Protein backbone atom coordinates (compact mmCIF):
# COMPACT_ATOMS: atom_id res chain seq x y z
CA MET A 1 105.28 103.14 119.82
CA ILE A 2 102.66 105.86 119.64
CA VAL A 3 99.14 104.43 119.31
CA LEU A 4 95.97 106.31 118.40
CA VAL A 5 92.75 104.77 119.73
CA VAL A 6 89.70 106.18 117.93
CA THR A 7 86.15 105.65 119.18
CA ALA A 8 82.78 107.11 118.29
CA HIS A 9 80.05 105.87 120.58
CA PRO A 10 77.60 107.76 122.82
CA GLY A 11 77.40 105.15 125.59
CA GLU A 12 79.94 105.26 128.40
CA CYS A 13 78.88 101.75 129.47
CA SER A 14 79.03 100.28 125.95
CA LEU A 15 81.16 97.42 124.73
CA THR A 16 83.00 99.92 122.53
CA SER A 17 83.94 102.03 125.56
CA ALA A 18 84.98 98.96 127.55
CA LEU A 19 87.17 97.65 124.73
CA SER A 20 88.72 101.09 124.28
CA ALA A 21 89.55 101.31 128.00
CA VAL A 22 91.14 97.84 128.04
CA THR A 23 93.11 98.64 124.90
CA ARG A 24 94.42 101.95 126.28
CA THR A 25 95.35 100.44 129.65
CA THR A 26 97.04 97.38 128.14
CA LEU A 27 99.08 99.42 125.68
CA ALA A 28 100.06 102.04 128.27
CA ASP A 29 101.11 99.32 130.71
CA ALA A 30 103.28 97.84 127.95
CA GLY A 31 105.10 101.17 127.65
CA HIS A 32 103.37 102.62 124.61
CA ILE A 33 102.23 106.22 124.30
CA VAL A 34 98.45 106.13 123.89
CA ILE A 35 96.44 108.96 122.37
CA GLU A 36 92.66 108.78 122.49
CA SER A 37 90.27 110.45 120.10
CA ASP A 38 86.53 110.19 120.79
CA PHE A 39 84.65 111.46 117.74
CA TYR A 40 81.31 111.38 119.55
CA ALA A 41 82.61 113.55 122.41
CA MET A 42 84.01 115.98 119.81
CA ALA A 43 80.55 116.18 118.14
CA TRP A 44 82.24 115.18 114.90
CA GLY A 45 79.92 114.90 111.91
CA PRO A 46 80.74 112.33 109.22
CA ALA A 47 79.22 114.38 106.41
CA LEU A 48 80.53 117.66 105.04
CA ARG A 49 78.13 120.55 104.97
CA GLU A 50 78.07 123.01 102.08
CA GLU A 51 79.60 125.81 104.18
CA GLN A 52 82.64 123.61 104.89
CA PHE A 53 83.65 123.64 101.23
CA GLY A 54 86.09 126.31 100.10
CA THR A 55 85.20 128.95 97.56
CA GLU A 56 87.87 127.81 95.11
CA THR A 57 87.04 125.16 92.58
CA VAL A 58 89.50 122.55 91.46
CA LYS A 59 89.36 121.00 88.03
CA ILE A 60 90.00 117.29 88.25
CA GLU A 61 91.18 115.61 85.10
CA ARG A 62 90.05 112.04 84.84
CA LEU A 63 91.97 109.28 83.14
CA PRO A 64 90.29 107.89 80.01
């Protein structure tokens, strides 16, 4: 099985980081393919900025 482990925490000594490490090691030792994605390390922002929107507008029809 391919497993994606996603974290987003600035502290390398945090509980989140420790749980992520145990999870990755346990799954890899069990033969799974483990992919890690650290949103904090990627400087990922949870909110879209205006310049990230395209120039095209889409008309959304709502149900009554």
